[in-house]
Amino acid sequence: MGGQPLPAQYRRLAGRRGKKRAIVAVGHTMLVMMYHMLRDGVDYQELGHNYLDKLQPQRLTRYLVKRLESLGHQVTLSPVDRAA
């Protein structure tokens, strides 16, 4: 079984926007998902917990750097040689 994108969305938003707004946002996401499933006549498919991370890796990198800097760390990024 894949990841848990809705609970992850809730945790991510609750920290920034508050619990009540996070609940409404997750509910909205669920309604949009159901609408598309009914409209297109398809079953729900779990994309995995890191689907968005793989889709936009630069965005994740910026977010993680900002988080570390907000915790008082100095961040220096260097590319990794993946051929090795």
PDB file of N, CA and C in Angstrom:
ATOM      1  N   MET A   1       0.844  -1.184   0.000  1.00  0.00           N
ATOM      2  CA  MET A   1       0.000   0.000   0.000  1.00  0.00           C
ATOM      3  C   MET A   1       0.880   1.234   0.000  1.00  0.00           C
ATOM      4  N   GLY A   2       0.443   2.281  -0.641  1.00  0.00           N
ATOM      5  CA  GLY A   2       1.204   3.518  -0.777  1.00  0.00           C
ATOM      6  C   GLY A   2       1.221   4.339   0.502  1.00  0.00           C
ATOM      7  N   GLY A   3       1.573   5.587   0.355  1.00  0.00           N
ATOM      8  CA  GLY A   3       1.654   6.488   1.496  1.00  0.00           C
ATOM      9  C   GLY A   3       0.296   7.000   1.916  1.00  0.00           C
ATOM     10  N   GLN A   4       0.298   8.022   2.712  1.00  0.00           N
ATOM     11  CA  GLN A   4      -0.933   8.607   3.224  1.00  0.00           C
ATOM     12  C   GLN A   4      -0.952  10.092   2.907  1.00  0.00           C
ATOM     13  N   PRO A   5      -1.369  10.461   1.702  1.00  0.00           N
ATOM     14  CA  PRO A   5      -1.281  11.872   1.331  1.00  0.00           C
ATOM     15  C   PRO A   5      -2.242  12.774   2.093  1.00  0.00           C
ATOM     16  N   LEU A   6      -3.442  12.305   2.444  1.00  0.00           N
ATOM     17  CA  LEU A   6      -4.382  13.176   3.147  1.00  0.00           C
ATOM     18  C   LEU A   6      -3.937  13.472   4.577  1.00  0.00           C
ATOM     19  N   PRO A   7      -3.531  12.465   5.344  1.00  0.00           N
ATOM     20  CA  PRO A   7      -2.994  12.804   6.676  1.00  0.00           C
ATOM     21  C   PRO A   7      -1.745  13.684   6.598  1.00  0.00           C
ATOM     22  N   ALA A   8      -0.909  13.437   5.585  1.00  0.00           N
ATOM     23  CA  ALA A   8       0.290  14.264   5.423  1.00  0.00           C
ATOM     24  C   ALA A   8      -0.104  15.696   5.088  1.00  0.00           C
ATOM     25  N   GLN A   9      -1.124  15.857   4.243  1.00  0.00           N
ATOM     26  CA  GLN A   9      -1.606  17.197   3.899  1.00  0.00           C
ATOM     27  C   GLN A   9      -2.131  17.889   5.161  1.00  0.00           C
ATOM     28  N   TYR A  10      -2.863  17.154   5.973  1.00  0.00           N
ATOM     29  CA  TYR A  10      -3.393  17.739   7.211  1.00  0.00           C
ATOM     30  C   TYR A  10      -2.260  18.211   8.115  1.00  0.00           C
ATOM     31  N   ARG A  11      -1.270  17.340   8.344  1.00  0.00           N
ATOM     32  CA  ARG A  11      -0.159  17.713   9.232  1.00  0.00           C
ATOM     33  C   ARG A  11       0.594  18.925   8.696  1.00  0.00           C
ATOM     34  N   ARG A  12       0.817  18.947   7.384  1.00  0.00           N
ATOM     35  CA  ARG A  12       1.554  20.046   6.768  1.00  0.00           C
ATOM     36  C   ARG A  12       0.799  21.367   6.938  1.00  0.00           C
ATOM     37  N   LEU A  13      -0.526  21.330   6.720  1.00  0.00           N
ATOM     38  CA  LEU A  13      -1.313  22.561   6.797  1.00  0.00           C
ATOM     39  C   LEU A  13      -1.616  22.976   8.231  1.00  0.00           C
ATOM     40  N   ALA A  14      -1.821  22.012   9.114  1.00  0.00           N
ATOM     41  CA  ALA A  14      -2.169  22.330  10.497  1.00  0.00           C
ATOM     42  C   ALA A  14      -1.067  23.141  11.168  1.00  0.00           C
ATOM     43  N   GLY A  15       0.164  22.842  10.827  1.00  0.00           N
ATOM     44  CA  GLY A  15       1.279  23.588  11.402  1.00  0.00           C
ATOM     45  C   GLY A  15       1.321  25.032  10.938  1.00  0.00           C
ATOM     46  N   ARG A  16       0.887  25.276   9.707  1.00  0.00           N
ATOM     47  CA  ARG A  16       0.955  26.633   9.144  1.00  0.00           C
ATOM     48  C   ARG A  16      -0.333  27.407   9.315  1.00  0.00           C
ATOM     49  N   ARG A  17      -1.470  26.747   9.115  1.00  0.00           N
ATOM     50  CA  ARG A  17      -2.759  27.440   9.037  1.00  0.00           C
ATOM     51  C   ARG A  17      -3.691  27.184  10.219  1.00  0.00           C
ATOM     52  N   GLY A  18      -3.391  26.178  11.016  1.00  0.00           N
ATOM     53  CA  GLY A  18      -4.266  25.828  12.119  1.00  0.00           C
ATOM     54  C   GLY A  18      -5.087  24.585  11.791  1.00  0.00           C
ATOM     55  N   LYS A  19      -5.570  23.936  12.836  1.00  0.00           N
ATOM     56  CA  LYS A  19      -6.249  22.649  12.682  1.00  0.00           C
ATOM     57  C   LYS A  19      -7.568  22.756  11.933  1.00  0.00           C
ATOM     58  N   LYS A  20      -8.361  23.764  12.229  1.00  0.00           N
ATOM     59  CA  LYS A  20      -9.670  23.881  11.584  1.00  0.00           C
ATOM     60  C   LYS A  20      -9.539  24.122  10.082  1.00  0.00           C
ATOM     61  N   ARG A  21      -8.643  24.999   9.698  1.00  0.00           N
ATOM     62  CA  ARG A  21      -8.447  25.263   8.268  1.00  0.00           C
ATOM     63  C   ARG A  21      -7.873  24.045   7.562  1.00  0.00           C
ATOM     64  N   ALA A  22      -7.018  23.312   8.251  1.00  0.00           N
ATOM     65  CA  ALA A  22      -6.443  22.102   7.663  1.00  0.00           C
ATOM     66  C   ALA A  22      -7.538  21.056   7.413  1.00  0.00           C
ATOM     67  N   ILE A  23      -8.470  20.920   8.336  1.00  0.00           N
ATOM     68  CA  ILE A  23      -9.576  19.977   8.162  1.00  0.00           C
ATOM     69  C   ILE A  23     -10.417  20.363   6.958  1.00  0.00           C
ATOM     70  N   VAL A  24     -10.721  21.647   6.818  1.00  0.00           N
ATOM     71  CA  VAL A  24     -11.517  22.110   5.674  1.00  0.00           C
ATOM     72  C   VAL A  24     -10.756  21.867   4.372  1.00  0.00           C
ATOM     73  N   ALA A  25      -9.463  22.114   4.363  1.00  0.00           N
ATOM     74  CA  ALA A  25      -8.661  21.917   3.155  1.00  0.00           C
ATOM     75  C   ALA A  25      -8.619  20.441   2.751  1.00  0.00           C
ATOM     76  N   VAL A  26      -8.445  19.556   3.720  1.00  0.00           N
ATOM     77  CA  VAL A  26      -8.430  18.118   3.420  1.00  0.00           C
ATOM     78  C   VAL A  26      -9.805  17.669   2.924  1.00  0.00           C
ATOM     79  N   GLY A  27     -10.864  18.182   3.535  1.00  0.00           N
ATOM     80  CA  GLY A  27     -12.214  17.868   3.063  1.00  0.00           C
ATOM     81  C   GLY A  27     -12.424  18.324   1.633  1.00  0.00           C
ATOM     82  N   HIS A  28     -11.935  19.505   1.306  1.00  0.00           N
ATOM     83  CA  HIS A  28     -12.034  20.014  -0.059  1.00  0.00           C
ATOM     84  C   HIS A  28     -11.283  19.105  -1.027  1.00  0.00           C
ATOM     85  N   THR A  29     -10.087  18.688  -0.638  1.00  0.00           N
ATOM     86  CA  THR A  29      -9.304  17.792  -1.477  1.00  0.00           C
ATOM     87  C   THR A  29     -10.057  16.489  -1.727  1.00  0.00           C
ATOM     88  N   MET A  30     -10.691  15.960  -0.692  1.00  0.00           N
ATOM     89  CA  MET A  30     -11.454  14.718  -0.839  1.00  0.00           C
ATOM     90  C   MET A  30     -12.639  14.909  -1.789  1.00  0.00           C
ATOM     91  N   LEU A  31     -13.324  16.032  -1.677  1.00  0.00           N
ATOM     92  CA  LEU A  31     -14.454  16.297  -2.580  1.00  0.00           C
ATOM     93  C   LEU A  31     -13.994  16.410  -4.033  1.00  0.00           C
ATOM     94  N   VAL A  32     -12.878  17.076  -4.258  1.00  0.00           N
ATOM     95  CA  VAL A  32     -12.352  17.206  -5.617  1.00  0.00           C
ATOM     96  C   VAL A  32     -11.967  15.825  -6.158  1.00  0.00           C
ATOM     97  N   MET A  33     -11.351  14.996  -5.320  1.00  0.00           N
ATOM     98  CA  MET A  33     -10.988  13.645  -5.743  1.00  0.00           C
ATOM     99  C   MET A  33     -12.235  12.849  -6.132  1.00  0.00           C
ATOM    100  N   MET A  34     -13.270  12.922  -5.300  1.00  0.00           N
ATOM    101  CA  MET A  34     -14.508  12.186  -5.584  1.00  0.00           C
ATOM    102  C   MET A  34     -15.180  12.703  -6.850  1.00  0.00           C
ATOM    103  N   TYR A  35     -15.157  14.003  -7.048  1.00  0.00           N
ATOM    104  CA  TYR A  35     -15.751  14.580  -8.255  1.00  0.00           C
ATOM    105  C   TYR A  35     -15.083  14.015  -9.506  1.00  0.00           C
ATOM    106  N   HIS A  36     -13.755  14.004  -9.505  1.00  0.00           N
ATOM    107  CA  HIS A  36     -13.025  13.506 -10.674  1.00  0.00           C
ATOM    108  C   HIS A  36     -13.256  12.008 -10.878  1.00  0.00           C
ATOM    109  N   MET A  37     -13.342  11.253  -9.800  1.00  0.00           N
ATOM    110  CA  MET A  37     -13.607   9.813  -9.942  1.00  0.00           C
ATOM    111  C   MET A  37     -14.992   9.575 -10.534  1.00  0.00           C
ATOM    112  N   LEU A  38     -15.990  10.315 -10.056  1.00  0.00           N
ATOM    113  CA  LEU A  38     -17.350  10.152 -10.575  1.00  0.00           C
ATOM    114  C   LEU A  38     -17.465  10.658 -12.009  1.00  0.00           C
ATOM    115  N   ARG A  39     -16.853  11.798 -12.288  1.00  0.00           N
ATOM    116  CA  ARG A  39     -16.927  12.379 -13.626  1.00  0.00           C
ATOM    117  C   ARG A  39     -16.268  11.481 -14.664  1.00  0.00           C
ATOM    118  N   ASP A  40     -15.095  10.941 -14.307  1.00  0.00           N
ATOM    119  CA  ASP A  40     -14.326  10.156 -15.262  1.00  0.00           C
ATOM    120  C   ASP A  40     -14.617   8.660 -15.184  1.00  0.00           C
ATOM    121  N   GLY A  41     -15.378   8.236 -14.167  1.00  0.00           N
ATOM    122  CA  GLY A  41     -15.706   6.821 -14.016  1.00  0.00           C
ATOM    123  C   GLY A  41     -14.499   5.950 -13.728  1.00  0.00           C
ATOM    124  N   VAL A  42     -13.593   6.446 -12.898  1.00  0.00           N
ATOM    125  CA  VAL A  42     -12.380   5.690 -12.566  1.00  0.00           C
ATOM    126  C   VAL A  42     -12.336   5.409 -11.073  1.00  0.00           C
ATOM    127  N   ASP A  43     -11.539   4.408 -10.704  1.00  0.00           N
ATOM    128  CA  ASP A  43     -11.329   4.076  -9.305  1.00  0.00           C
ATOM    129  C   ASP A  43     -10.213   4.949  -8.732  1.00  0.00           C
ATOM    130  N   TYR A  44     -10.207   5.070  -7.414  1.00  0.00           N
ATOM    131  CA  TYR A  44      -9.164   5.830  -6.728  1.00  0.00           C
ATOM    132  C   TYR A  44      -7.840   5.095  -6.868  1.00  0.00           C
ATOM    133  N   GLN A  45      -6.789   5.816  -7.205  1.00  0.00           N
ATOM    134  CA  GLN A  45      -5.452   5.244  -7.282  1.00  0.00           C
ATOM    135  C   GLN A  45      -4.517   6.052  -6.399  1.00  0.00           C
ATOM    136  N   GLU A  46      -3.907   5.368  -5.474  1.00  0.00           N
ATOM    137  CA  GLU A  46      -2.944   6.007  -4.582  1.00  0.00           C
ATOM    138  C   GLU A  46      -1.668   6.291  -5.366  1.00  0.00           C
ATOM    139  N   LEU A  47      -1.239   7.536  -5.373  1.00  0.00           N
ATOM    140  CA  LEU A  47      -0.049   7.919  -6.117  1.00  0.00           C
ATOM    141  C   LEU A  47       1.223   7.755  -5.305  1.00  0.00           C
ATOM    142  N   GLY A  48       1.095   7.566  -4.011  1.00  0.00           N
ATOM    143  CA  GLY A  48       2.259   7.399  -3.151  1.00  0.00           C
ATOM    144  C   GLY A  48       2.535   8.640  -2.338  1.00  0.00           C
ATOM    145  N   HIS A  49       3.195   8.454  -1.225  1.00  0.00           N
ATOM    146  CA  HIS A  49       3.427   9.556  -0.301  1.00  0.00           C
ATOM    147  C   HIS A  49       4.394  10.595  -0.843  1.00  0.00           C
ATOM    148  N   ASN A  50       5.249  10.219  -1.776  1.00  0.00           N
ATOM    149  CA  ASN A  50       6.245  11.174  -2.275  1.00  0.00           C
ATOM    150  C   ASN A  50       5.986  11.568  -3.724  1.00  0.00           C
ATOM    151  N   TYR A  51       4.780  11.442  -4.196  1.00  0.00           N
ATOM    152  CA  TYR A  51       4.445  11.775  -5.581  1.00  0.00           C
ATOM    153  C   TYR A  51       4.767  13.238  -5.898  1.00  0.00           C
ATOM    154  N   LEU A  52       4.319  14.157  -5.053  1.00  0.00           N
ATOM    155  CA  LEU A  52       4.566  15.580  -5.307  1.00  0.00           C
ATOM    156  C   LEU A  52       6.040  15.938  -5.159  1.00  0.00           C
ATOM    157  N   ASP A  53       6.738  15.247  -4.252  1.00  0.00           N
ATOM    158  CA  ASP A  53       8.166  15.493  -4.084  1.00  0.00           C
ATOM    159  C   ASP A  53       8.923  15.141  -5.360  1.00  0.00           C
ATOM    160  N   LYS A  54       8.539  14.038  -5.994  1.00  0.00           N
ATOM    161  CA  LYS A  54       9.192  13.631  -7.236  1.00  0.00           C
ATOM    162  C   LYS A  54       8.786  14.541  -8.394  1.00  0.00           C
ATOM    163  N   LEU A  55       7.577  15.073  -8.329  1.00  0.00           N
ATOM    164  CA  LEU A  55       7.078  15.933  -9.387  1.00  0.00           C
ATOM    165  C   LEU A  55       7.785  17.294  -9.389  1.00  0.00           C
ATOM    166  N   GLN A  56       8.081  17.813  -8.192  1.00  0.00           N
ATOM    167  CA  GLN A  56       8.705  19.135  -8.063  1.00  0.00           C
ATOM    168  C   GLN A  56       9.851  19.082  -7.049  1.00  0.00           C
ATOM    169  N   PRO A  57      10.969  18.454  -7.408  1.00  0.00           N
ATOM    170  CA  PRO A  57      12.064  18.315  -6.432  1.00  0.00           C
ATOM    171  C   PRO A  57      12.691  19.647  -6.023  1.00  0.00           C
ATOM    172  N   GLN A  58      12.717  20.632  -6.934  1.00  0.00           N
ATOM    173  CA  GLN A  58      13.303  21.928  -6.572  1.00  0.00           C
ATOM    174  C   GLN A  58      12.465  22.619  -5.503  1.00  0.00           C
ATOM    175  N   ARG A  59      11.167  22.475  -5.592  1.00  0.00           N
ATOM    176  CA  ARG A  59      10.274  23.081  -4.602  1.00  0.00           C
ATOM    177  C   ARG A  59      10.508  22.462  -3.227  1.00  0.00           C
ATOM    178  N   LEU A  60      10.651  21.154  -3.178  1.00  0.00           N
ATOM    179  CA  LEU A  60      10.919  20.468  -1.910  1.00  0.00           C
ATOM    180  C   LEU A  60      12.257  20.923  -1.346  1.00  0.00           C
ATOM    181  N   THR A  61      13.267  21.056  -2.204  1.00  0.00           N
ATOM    182  CA  THR A  61      14.581  21.494  -1.751  1.00  0.00           C
ATOM    183  C   THR A  61      14.501  22.888  -1.127  1.00  0.00           C
ATOM    184  N   ARG A  62      13.820  23.817  -1.803  1.00  0.00           N
ATOM    185  CA  ARG A  62      13.681  25.179  -1.255  1.00  0.00           C
ATOM    186  C   ARG A  62      12.982  25.147   0.103  1.00  0.00           C
ATOM    187  N   TYR A  63      11.910  24.352   0.199  1.00  0.00           N
ATOM    188  CA  TYR A  63      11.157  24.261   1.453  1.00  0.00           C
ATOM    189  C   TYR A  63      12.040  23.725   2.579  1.00  0.00           C
ATOM    190  N   LEU A  64      12.785  22.661   2.301  1.00  0.00           N
ATOM    191  CA  LEU A  64      13.613  22.063   3.348  1.00  0.00           C
ATOM    192  C   LEU A  64      14.748  22.986   3.767  1.00  0.00           C
ATOM    193  N   VAL A  65      15.326  23.712   2.824  1.00  0.00           N
ATOM    194  CA  VAL A  65      16.382  24.672   3.161  1.00  0.00           C
ATOM    195  C   VAL A  65      15.805  25.768   4.060  1.00  0.00           C
ATOM    196  N   LYS A  66      14.640  26.294   3.708  1.00  0.00           N
ATOM    197  CA  LYS A  66      14.014  27.337   4.538  1.00  0.00           C
ATOM    198  C   LYS A  66      13.716  26.820   5.939  1.00  0.00           C
ATOM    199  N   ARG A  67      13.260  25.562   6.025  1.00  0.00           N
ATOM    200  CA  ARG A  67      12.973  24.986   7.344  1.00  0.00           C
ATOM    201  C   ARG A  67      14.234  24.893   8.190  1.00  0.00           C
ATOM    202  N   LEU A  68      15.310  24.394   7.599  1.00  0.00           N
ATOM    203  CA  LEU A  68      16.565  24.284   8.337  1.00  0.00           C
ATOM    204  C   LEU A  68      17.084  25.653   8.755  1.00  0.00           C
ATOM    205  N   GLU A  69      16.980  26.641   7.865  1.00  0.00           N
ATOM    206  CA  GLU A  69      17.436  27.989   8.209  1.00  0.00           C
ATOM    207  C   GLU A  69      16.584  28.585   9.316  1.00  0.00           C
ATOM    208  N   SER A  70      15.296  28.285   9.318  1.00  0.00           N
ATOM    209  CA  SER A  70      14.431  28.799  10.383  1.00  0.00           C
ATOM    210  C   SER A  70      14.754  28.159  11.735  1.00  0.00           C
ATOM    211  N   LEU A  71      15.406  27.007  11.704  1.00  0.00           N
ATOM    212  CA  LEU A  71      15.828  26.345  12.938  1.00  0.00           C
ATOM    213  C   LEU A  71      17.233  26.766  13.361  1.00  0.00           C
ATOM    214  N   GLY A  72      17.821  27.709  12.615  1.00  0.00           N
ATOM    215  CA  GLY A  72      19.114  28.247  13.001  1.00  0.00           C
ATOM    216  C   GLY A  72      20.311  27.584  12.349  1.00  0.00           C
ATOM    217  N   HIS A  73      20.097  26.844  11.282  1.00  0.00           N
ATOM    218  CA  HIS A  73      21.202  26.183  10.591  1.00  0.00           C
ATOM    219  C   HIS A  73      21.608  26.967   9.355  1.00  0.00           C
ATOM    220  N   GLN A  74      22.894  26.905   9.035  1.00  0.00           N
ATOM    221  CA  GLN A  74      23.377  27.473   7.785  1.00  0.00           C
ATOM    222  C   GLN A  74      23.447  26.322   6.790  1.00  0.00           C
ATOM    223  N   VAL A  75      22.833  26.498   5.637  1.00  0.00           N
ATOM    224  CA  VAL A  75      22.707  25.411   4.671  1.00  0.00           C
ATOM    225  C   VAL A  75      23.522  25.728   3.428  1.00  0.00           C
ATOM    226  N   THR A  76      24.356  24.779   3.039  1.00  0.00           N
ATOM    227  CA  THR A  76      25.111  24.864   1.791  1.00  0.00           C
ATOM    228  C   THR A  76      24.795  23.611   0.986  1.00  0.00           C
ATOM    229  N   LEU A  77      24.326  23.802  -0.245  1.00  0.00           N
ATOM    230  CA  LEU A  77      23.974  22.675  -1.091  1.00  0.00           C
ATOM    231  C   LEU A  77      25.066  22.435  -2.110  1.00  0.00           C
ATOM    232  N   SER A  78      25.355  21.163  -2.325  1.00  0.00           N
ATOM    233  CA  SER A  78      26.310  20.802  -3.381  1.00  0.00           C
ATOM    234  C   SER A  78      25.748  19.587  -4.112  1.00  0.00           C
ATOM    235  N   PRO A  79      25.926  19.545  -5.436  1.00  0.00           N
ATOM    236  CA  PRO A  79      25.362  18.420  -6.200  1.00  0.00           C
ATOM    237  C   PRO A  79      26.055  17.104  -5.866  1.00  0.00           C
ATOM    238  N   VAL A  80      25.303  16.021  -5.972  1.00  0.00           N
ATOM    239  CA  VAL A  80      25.827  14.682  -5.696  1.00  0.00           C
ATOM    240  C   VAL A  80      26.051  13.992  -7.036  1.00  0.00           C
ATOM    241  N   ASP A  81      27.207  13.357  -7.177  1.00  0.00           N
ATOM    242  CA  ASP A  81      27.512  12.604  -8.383  1.00  0.00           C
ATOM    243  C   ASP A  81      26.779  11.276  -8.314  1.00  0.00           C
ATOM    244  N   ARG A  82      25.705  11.139  -9.077  1.00  0.00           N
ATOM    245  CA  ARG A  82      24.872   9.929  -9.033  1.00  0.00           C
ATOM    246  C   ARG A  82      25.429   8.797  -9.876  1.00  0.00           C
ATOM    247  N   ALA A  83      26.476   9.042 -10.660  1.00  0.00           N
ATOM    248  CA  ALA A  83      27.043   8.006 -11.509  1.00  0.00           C
ATOM    249  C   ALA A  83      27.894   7.032 -10.694  1.00  0.00           C
ATOM    250  N   ALA A  84      28.336   7.422  -9.520  1.00  0.00           N
ATOM    251  CA  ALA A  84      29.226   6.586  -8.707  1.00  0.00           C
ATOM    252  C   ALA A  84      28.502   5.456  -8.029  1.00  0.00           C
TER     253      ALA A  84
END
